[in-house]
Amino acid sequence: MTTFTYGFNEEQVALRDSAIEFTKREVTPYLDQWEKDGEIPREFQKKLAHAGFLGIGVPEEVGGDGGTLLDICALQQGFMEAGWSGGLMASAFTHGIAIPHIVQNGSKELIDTYVRPTLAGDLIGSMAVTEPGTGSDVANITTRAVRDGDHWIINGAKTFITSSVRGDFVTTAVRTGEAGAHGISMIVVPRGTPGFTVSRKLDKMGWLASDTGELSYEDVRVPVGNLVGQENHGFYYIAQNFVTERIFLALMGYGHALRCLNLAARYCKDRETFGEPLVAHQVVRAKLTEMHRQVAVARSYTLEVARRYDAGEDCIAEACLAKQTAVDTAVWVADQAVQLHGGMGYMRESEVERHYRDVRLLPIGGGSTEVLTDLAAKLLGYGA
């Protein structure tokens, strides 16, 4: 089996290994059923918390375990290497996008109410930015919050929101001011607030274990204290986490690809055609070698950007490009893995079939490749 540990220190290798062992016990026996159920059980969050995985990369002063983005890379590589689905990763670690804005800019009350219980596995959070009419155009969201005394009244809709069906709160991007990026705020909306509903659970091509929904806000009234940070600073808070969100997706990309490489290599050694194993054919060996090369390149690029981020560098453009490199690798390697499996690769009983469906979302989610390429061009000085 191919693995990559270069670039990780001894503690990070141990973290990766613990993620693999955890997966064997707590994920592999149940993942197929979670995919059929369309969501993961709530108690799984407690298992992740008990194992010490939810708090990695989160400051200790807010209930986390500390650590760096590179530590998170080691952890998530272990999970993906061991066969996690994209939907499982997205749902189990939705707090990676739901709580950073609160951690970085929220009040002590918000941290105590939402962050600490989430890291303990007692709450599930999600983040709502995307709307039916905006997609990646964050600056032009239309869901509006209007101040009314000691409350905000919110009206609008969100879509494609991960973990929103089973979630306990949603960190919601709303318009509180003028048009454009300068008029956006972040407000925490708890489940059960009158007027706040999951209007529809969405059926998807992949990420089946992830509960994804459309949200409706109709005169939703929440306390003014649920505002995260300063009014009309929400776009900048979202931008603070551009790098980490895209590195998370790059991790999923090269992780899927590494898993597909190993599944394909094992199948090609075991499967015999015309009296010899598939791997005896030069064209098959060439495919596997190219798959290996692309995985190695995507991983190296992703970890380099993570190191630069940990060192305090401004690397938004590089994170965009690392994400593109890794997700393009995921799409191509998964396709080749299905091809090498032949007819079996097209069957639902084949694991590579699941990865093939899951990776297709990666060039779309977290900012489409086209949008992020244009952003990178501007940041690199290639814009008009």
Protein backbone atom coordinates (compact mmCIF):
# COMPACT_ATOMS: atom_id res chain seq x y z
CA MET A 1 0.00 0.00 0.00
CA THR A 2 1.27 3.45 -0.94
CA THR A 3 1.43 6.07 1.78
CA PHE A 4 3.10 9.43 2.21
CA THR A 5 4.39 10.70 5.54
CA TYR A 6 7.24 12.96 4.46
CA GLY A 7 6.67 16.50 5.63
CA PHE A 8 5.04 15.33 8.86
CA ASN A 9 6.90 15.31 12.17
CA GLU A 10 6.77 12.36 14.55
CA GLU A 11 3.68 13.62 16.38
CA GLN A 12 1.84 14.24 13.12
CA VAL A 13 2.62 10.74 11.86
CA ALA A 14 1.23 9.39 15.13
CA LEU A 15 -1.89 11.52 14.64
CA ARG A 16 -2.35 10.12 11.15
CA ASP A 17 -1.91 6.59 12.45
CA SER A 18 -4.46 7.12 15.23
CA ALA A 19 -6.97 8.37 12.65
CA ILE A 20 -6.49 5.17 10.65
CA GLU A 21 -6.96 2.96 13.72
CA PHE A 22 -10.04 4.92 14.80
CA THR A 23 -11.51 4.42 11.33
CA LYS A 24 -11.08 0.66 11.49
CA ARG A 25 -13.04 0.52 14.75
CA GLU A 26 -15.63 3.26 14.45
CA VAL A 27 -16.19 3.92 10.74
CA THR A 28 -15.48 1.01 8.40
CA PRO A 29 -18.15 -1.33 9.85
CA TYR A 30 -20.87 1.35 9.60
CA LEU A 31 -20.06 3.64 6.66
CA ASP A 32 -22.16 1.82 4.06
CA GLN A 33 -25.22 2.14 6.29
CA TRP A 34 -24.56 5.84 6.92
CA GLU A 35 -24.38 6.39 3.17
CA LYS A 36 -27.78 4.69 2.81
CA ASP A 37 -29.25 6.65 5.74
CA GLY A 38 -28.15 9.97 4.26
CA GLU A 39 -26.58 11.18 7.50
CA ILE A 40 -24.26 10.11 10.29
CA PRO A 41 -25.53 9.42 13.84
CA ARG A 42 -25.19 12.21 16.37
CA GLU A 43 -23.29 9.97 18.78
CA PHE A 44 -20.44 9.81 16.29
CA GLN A 45 -19.56 13.40 17.22
CA LYS A 46 -19.08 12.27 20.82
CA LYS A 47 -16.75 9.50 19.68
CA LEU A 48 -14.67 11.99 17.69
CA ALA A 49 -14.54 14.32 20.68
CA HIS A 50 -13.61 11.52 23.07
CA ALA A 51 -10.77 10.51 20.74
CA GLY A 52 -9.48 14.10 20.83
CA PHE A 53 -10.04 14.82 17.14
CA LEU A 54 -12.60 17.66 17.14
CA GLY A 55 -10.40 20.16 18.98
CA ILE A 56 -7.24 19.83 16.89
CA GLY A 57 -6.31 23.18 15.39
CA VAL A 58 -8.66 25.07 17.74
CA PRO A 59 -7.13 27.28 20.48
CA GLU A 60 -7.09 25.80 23.97
CA GLU A 61 -8.58 28.94 25.49
CA VAL A 62 -11.93 28.24 23.74
CA GLY A 63 -12.02 24.52 24.51
CA GLY A 64 -9.81 23.16 21.73
CA ASP A 65 -6.60 21.18 21.84
CA GLY A 66 -4.41 23.65 19.96
CA GLY A 67 -2.24 22.68 17.05
CA THR A 68 -1.60 23.89 13.52
CA LEU A 69 -3.15 23.57 10.10
CA LEU A 70 -0.44 21.01 9.30
CA ASP A 71 -1.65 18.96 12.28
CA ILE A 72 -5.13 18.99 10.77
CA CYS A 73 -3.61 17.88 7.46
CA ALA A 74 -2.04 14.84 9.13
CA LEU A 75 -5.31 13.93 10.85
CA GLN A 76 -7.49 14.25 7.79
CA GLN A 77 -5.00 12.44 5.57
CA GLY A 78 -5.29 9.49 7.94
CA PHE A 79 -9.07 9.49 7.74
CA MET A 80 -9.12 9.71 3.95
CA GLU A 81 -6.38 7.10 3.54
CA ALA A 82 -8.50 4.72 5.61
CA GLY A 83 -11.51 5.17 3.34
CA TRP A 84 -13.74 7.93 4.68
CA SER A 85 -16.36 9.13 2.22
CA GLY A 86 -16.55 12.78 1.25
CA GLY A 87 -19.91 13.15 2.94
CA LEU A 88 -18.64 11.70 6.20
CA MET A 89 -15.68 14.06 6.26
CA ALA A 90 -17.84 17.08 5.42
CA SER A 91 -20.46 16.35 8.09
CA ALA A 92 -18.20 15.13 10.88
CA PHE A 93 -16.00 18.22 10.62
CA THR A 94 -18.53 20.90 9.68
CA HIS A 95 -17.43 22.74 12.80
CA GLY A 96 -14.32 23.57 10.76
CA ILE A 97 -16.41 26.18 8.95
CA ALA A 98 -19.16 26.77 11.54
CA ILE A 99 -17.13 27.97 14.54
CA PRO A 100 -13.93 29.73 13.35
CA HIS A 101 -15.75 33.05 12.92
CA ILE A 102 -17.08 32.76 16.48
CA VAL A 103 -13.67 31.72 17.85
CA GLN A 104 -11.89 34.61 16.14
CA ASN A 105 -14.45 37.37 16.58
CA GLY A 106 -17.33 36.25 18.81
CA SER A 107 -18.17 37.20 22.37
CA LYS A 108 -17.36 35.01 25.37
CA GLU A 109 -21.06 34.21 25.64
CA LEU A 110 -21.20 32.93 22.05
CA ILE A 111 -18.03 30.89 22.59
CA ASP A 112 -19.38 29.33 25.78
CA THR A 113 -22.80 28.68 24.24
CA TYR A 114 -21.77 27.25 20.89
CA VAL A 115 -18.04 26.62 20.50
CA ARG A 116 -17.25 24.65 23.66
CA PRO A 117 -20.28 22.31 23.38
CA THR A 118 -19.51 21.71 19.71
CA LEU A 119 -15.92 20.70 20.48
CA ALA A 120 -17.26 18.39 23.18
CA GLY A 121 -19.49 16.67 20.65
CA ASP A 122 -22.69 17.92 22.29
CA LEU A 123 -23.74 20.32 19.51
CA ILE A 124 -23.54 20.21 15.73
CA GLY A 125 -23.00 23.46 13.88
CA SER A 126 -23.19 24.48 10.25
CA MET A 127 -22.51 27.58 8.20
CA ALA A 128 -24.93 29.18 5.75
CA VAL A 129 -23.61 31.49 3.06
CA THR A 130 -24.78 30.14 -0.32
CA GLU A 131 -28.18 31.26 -1.57
CA PRO A 132 -30.32 30.06 -4.49
CA GLY A 133 -29.39 33.11 -6.54
CA THR A 134 -25.79 33.79 -5.53
CA GLY A 135 -23.64 30.65 -5.42
CA SER A 136 -20.00 31.70 -5.08
CA ASP A 137 -20.92 35.41 -5.26
CA VAL A 138 -20.71 35.95 -1.49
CA ALA A 139 -20.71 39.75 -1.74
CA ASN A 140 -24.21 39.78 -3.22
CA ILE A 141 -26.19 37.69 -0.75
CA THR A 142 -29.73 38.94 -0.15
CA THR A 143 -30.83 37.29 3.11
CA ARG A 144 -31.42 40.33 5.29
CA ALA A 145 -31.30 41.03 9.02
CA VAL A 146 -32.95 44.17 10.37
CA ARG A 147 -32.36 45.48 13.89
CA ASP A 148 -35.49 45.69 16.06
CA GLY A 149 -34.61 46.78 19.58
CA ASP A 150 -32.69 43.95 21.26
CA HIS A 151 -33.22 41.54 18.37
CA TRP A 152 -32.37 40.91 14.73
CA ILE A 153 -35.21 39.92 12.41
CA ILE A 154 -33.96 37.73 9.55
CA ASN A 155 -35.67 36.96 6.24
CA GLY A 156 -34.29 34.98 3.31
CA ALA A 157 -33.16 31.54 2.17
CA LYS A 158 -29.97 29.48 1.99
CA THR A 159 -29.16 26.35 0.02
CA PHE A 160 -26.57 23.54 -0.19
CA ILE A 161 -25.95 23.85 3.56
CA THR A 162 -23.95 20.94 5.01
CA SER A 163 -25.12 19.46 8.34
CA SER A 164 -28.14 21.77 8.39
CA VAL A 165 -30.70 18.99 8.80
CA ARG A 166 -29.26 17.58 12.02
CA GLY A 167 -27.51 20.80 13.05
CA ASP A 168 -28.20 22.66 16.29
CA PHE A 169 -27.16 26.10 15.05
CA VAL A 170 -26.23 27.84 11.82
CA THR A 171 -23.67 30.61 11.56
CA THR A 172 -25.51 32.65 8.94
CA ALA A 173 -24.25 35.32 6.56
CA VAL A 174 -26.83 38.11 6.30
CA ARG A 175 -27.09 41.57 4.84
CA THR A 176 -27.28 44.24 7.52
CA GLY A 177 -26.04 47.20 5.50
CA GLU A 178 -25.38 48.53 2.03
CA ALA A 179 -25.06 46.44 -1.13
CA GLY A 180 -21.83 44.56 -1.69
CA ALA A 181 -19.20 43.14 0.62
CA HIS A 182 -19.31 46.02 3.11
CA GLY A 183 -22.88 45.30 4.23
CA ILE A 184 -22.60 41.68 5.39
CA SER A 185 -22.70 40.38 8.97
CA MET A 186 -22.56 36.96 10.62
CA ILE A 187 -25.35 35.95 13.02
CA VAL A 188 -25.78 32.65 14.90
CA VAL A 189 -29.28 31.20 14.49
CA PRO A 190 -30.21 28.29 16.81
CA ARG A 191 -32.40 25.43 15.67
CA GLY A 192 -35.95 25.74 16.95
CA THR A 193 -36.10 29.51 16.58
CA PRO A 194 -39.62 30.35 15.29
CA GLY A 195 -39.61 30.96 11.54
CA PHE A 196 -36.30 29.12 11.00
CA THR A 197 -36.84 25.81 9.20
CA VAL A 198 -35.16 23.26 6.97
CA SER A 199 -37.44 23.66 3.98
CA ARG A 200 -36.00 20.68 2.11
CA LYS A 201 -33.38 17.95 2.53
CA LEU A 202 -31.45 17.70 -0.73
CA ASP A 203 -30.66 14.53 -2.68
CA LYS A 204 -27.19 14.54 -4.20
CA MET A 205 -25.01 12.62 -6.63
CA GLY A 206 -22.41 11.99 -3.94
CA TRP A 207 -21.59 12.97 -0.35
CA LEU A 208 -24.53 10.76 0.59
CA ALA A 209 -23.65 10.50 4.28
CA SER A 210 -23.83 14.28 4.53
CA ASP A 211 -27.19 15.84 5.39
CA THR A 212 -27.55 18.83 3.08
CA GLY A 213 -30.51 21.17 3.18
CA GLU A 214 -32.26 24.30 2.07
CA LEU A 215 -33.00 26.76 4.87
CA SER A 216 -35.86 29.22 5.18
CA TYR A 217 -35.82 32.32 7.39
CA GLU A 218 -39.22 33.97 7.85
CA ASP A 219 -39.23 36.77 10.42
CA VAL A 220 -36.67 34.86 12.46
CA ARG A 221 -36.00 36.78 15.65
CA VAL A 222 -32.66 36.28 17.43
CA PRO A 223 -30.98 38.35 20.18
CA VAL A 224 -28.55 41.09 19.17
CA GLY A 225 -25.91 39.20 21.15
CA ASN A 226 -25.93 36.50 18.44
CA LEU A 227 -24.11 38.88 16.12
CA VAL A 228 -20.57 37.59 15.55
CA GLY A 229 -18.06 40.40 16.01
CA GLN A 230 -18.90 43.76 14.48
CA GLU A 231 -21.86 44.63 12.30
CA ASN A 232 -21.07 44.75 8.55
CA HIS A 233 -17.71 43.00 9.01
CA GLY A 234 -18.98 39.55 8.01
CA PHE A 235 -17.37 39.41 4.59
CA TYR A 236 -13.95 40.01 6.13
CA TYR A 237 -14.58 37.30 8.71
CA ILE A 238 -15.45 34.89 5.91
CA ALA A 239 -12.30 35.94 4.04
CA GLN A 240 -10.22 35.22 7.17
CA ASN A 241 -10.94 31.55 6.65
CA PHE A 242 -10.53 31.33 2.88
CA VAL A 243 -7.17 29.58 3.17
CA THR A 244 -8.19 26.94 5.71
CA GLU A 245 -11.45 26.10 3.93
CA ARG A 246 -9.66 25.57 0.63
CA ILE A 247 -6.88 23.56 2.23
CA PHE A 248 -9.55 21.33 3.82
CA LEU A 249 -10.97 20.67 0.34
CA ALA A 250 -7.49 20.11 -1.09
CA LEU A 251 -6.91 17.56 1.68
CA MET A 252 -10.08 15.76 0.72
CA GLY A 253 -8.94 15.86 -2.90
CA TYR A 254 -5.56 14.26 -2.51
CA GLY A 255 -6.96 11.97 0.21
CA HIS A 256 -9.61 10.57 -2.15
CA ALA A 257 -6.95 10.19 -4.82
CA LEU A 258 -4.55 8.34 -2.52
CA ARG A 259 -7.31 5.96 -1.44
CA CYS A 260 -8.29 5.34 -5.09
CA LEU A 261 -4.66 4.69 -6.01
CA ASN A 262 -4.35 2.05 -3.31
CA LEU A 263 -7.66 0.41 -4.18
CA ALA A 264 -6.73 0.29 -7.86
CA ALA A 265 -3.22 -1.04 -7.21
CA ARG A 266 -4.57 -3.84 -5.02
CA TYR A 267 -7.24 -4.75 -7.58
CA CYS A 268 -4.72 -4.79 -10.43
CA LYS A 269 -2.47 -7.18 -8.49
CA ASP A 270 -5.35 -9.52 -7.61
CA ARG A 271 -7.33 -9.45 -10.87
CA GLU A 272 -6.15 -11.84 -13.57
CA THR A 273 -6.87 -11.44 -17.28
CA PHE A 274 -5.54 -13.56 -20.11
CA GLY A 275 -3.68 -15.69 -17.60
CA GLU A 276 -1.79 -12.96 -15.77
CA PRO A 277 -2.51 -10.18 -13.28
CA LEU A 278 -3.55 -6.80 -14.66
CA VAL A 279 -0.43 -5.20 -13.22
CA ALA A 280 1.68 -7.33 -15.57
CA HIS A 281 0.56 -5.11 -18.45
CA GLN A 282 2.76 -2.10 -19.14
CA VAL A 283 -0.18 0.21 -19.83
CA VAL A 284 -1.64 -0.60 -16.39
CA ARG A 285 1.67 0.00 -14.63
CA ALA A 286 1.98 3.32 -16.46
CA LYS A 287 -1.49 4.38 -15.27
CA LEU A 288 -0.72 3.50 -11.65
CA THR A 289 2.60 5.34 -11.79
CA GLU A 290 0.96 8.46 -13.19
CA MET A 291 -1.73 8.28 -10.52
CA HIS A 292 1.03 8.07 -7.89
CA ARG A 293 2.84 11.06 -9.38
CA GLN A 294 -0.23 13.26 -9.38
CA VAL A 295 -1.13 12.34 -5.79
CA ALA A 296 2.42 13.11 -4.63
CA VAL A 297 2.42 16.49 -6.37
CA ALA A 298 -1.01 17.49 -5.03
CA ARG A 299 -0.06 16.48 -1.50
CA SER A 300 3.26 18.33 -1.59
CA TYR A 301 1.63 21.51 -2.88
CA THR A 302 -1.17 21.35 -0.30
CA LEU A 303 1.19 20.83 2.64
CA GLU A 304 3.52 23.59 1.45
CA VAL A 305 0.66 26.10 1.47
CA ALA A 306 -0.41 24.83 4.91
CA ARG A 307 3.13 25.40 6.21
CA ARG A 308 3.17 28.92 4.81
CA TYR A 309 -0.18 29.65 6.43
CA ASP A 310 1.09 28.35 9.78
CA ALA A 311 4.11 30.65 9.37
CA GLY A 312 1.81 33.66 9.03
CA GLU A 313 2.19 34.25 5.30
CA ASP A 314 -0.55 35.65 3.08
CA CYS A 315 -1.28 32.73 0.75
CA ILE A 316 -4.89 33.10 -0.39
CA ALA A 317 -3.93 32.82 -4.06
CA GLU A 318 -1.75 29.78 -3.42
CA ALA A 319 -4.57 28.09 -1.47
CA CYS A 320 -6.86 28.57 -4.48
CA LEU A 321 -4.29 26.94 -6.74
CA ALA A 322 -3.52 24.13 -4.27
CA LYS A 323 -7.22 23.34 -4.10
CA GLN A 324 -7.45 23.24 -7.89
CA THR A 325 -4.40 21.02 -8.18
CA ALA A 326 -5.66 18.56 -5.57
CA VAL A 327 -9.26 18.36 -6.74
CA ASP A 328 -8.27 18.01 -10.39
CA THR A 329 -6.04 15.15 -9.26
CA ALA A 330 -8.93 13.60 -7.34
CA VAL A 331 -11.26 13.72 -10.34
CA TRP A 332 -8.67 12.22 -12.71
CA VAL A 333 -7.34 9.55 -10.35
CA ALA A 334 -10.84 8.43 -9.34
CA ASP A 335 -11.76 8.15 -13.01
CA GLN A 336 -8.66 6.04 -13.71
CA ALA A 337 -9.39 3.83 -10.69
CA VAL A 338 -12.88 3.10 -12.01
CA GLN A 339 -11.42 2.36 -15.45
CA LEU A 340 -8.88 -0.08 -14.02
CA HIS A 341 -11.63 -1.86 -12.09
CA GLY A 342 -13.54 -2.36 -15.34
CA GLY A 343 -17.19 -3.31 -14.96
CA MET A 344 -16.73 -3.77 -11.21
CA GLY A 345 -15.76 -0.12 -10.93
CA TYR A 346 -19.23 0.86 -12.11
CA MET A 347 -20.96 -1.18 -9.40
CA ARG A 348 -22.23 0.35 -6.18
CA GLU A 349 -20.54 -2.46 -4.25
CA SER A 350 -17.17 -1.12 -5.39
CA GLU A 351 -15.63 1.54 -3.14
CA VAL A 352 -14.05 3.39 -6.07
CA GLU A 353 -17.55 4.04 -7.45
CA ARG A 354 -18.35 6.02 -4.29
CA HIS A 355 -15.15 8.05 -4.50
CA TYR A 356 -15.85 8.75 -8.19
CA ARG A 357 -19.17 10.36 -7.23
CA ASP A 358 -17.82 12.14 -4.16
CA VAL A 359 -14.89 13.86 -5.86
CA ARG A 360 -17.08 15.49 -8.49
CA LEU A 361 -18.27 18.05 -5.96
CA LEU A 362 -14.79 19.24 -5.05
CA PRO A 363 -14.20 21.50 -8.11
CA ILE A 364 -17.56 23.14 -7.31
CA GLY A 365 -17.74 23.43 -3.52
CA GLY A 366 -15.90 26.04 -1.48
CA GLY A 367 -15.67 28.30 -4.52
CA SER A 368 -15.73 26.81 -8.00
CA THR A 369 -12.47 26.29 -9.86
CA GLU A 370 -13.41 29.05 -12.31
CA VAL A 371 -14.16 31.58 -9.56
CA LEU A 372 -11.02 30.72 -7.58
CA THR A 373 -8.81 30.86 -10.66
CA ASP A 374 -10.07 34.35 -11.40
CA LEU A 375 -9.48 35.36 -7.77
CA ALA A 376 -5.96 33.97 -7.89
CA ALA A 377 -5.30 35.86 -11.12
CA LYS A 378 -6.23 39.15 -9.48
CA LEU A 379 -4.19 38.46 -6.34
CA LEU A 380 -1.18 37.48 -8.43
CA GLY A 381 -1.35 40.67 -10.44
CA TYR A 382 -2.72 39.17 -13.65
CA GLY A 383 -6.08 40.93 -13.49
CA ALA A 384 -7.20 43.82 -15.68
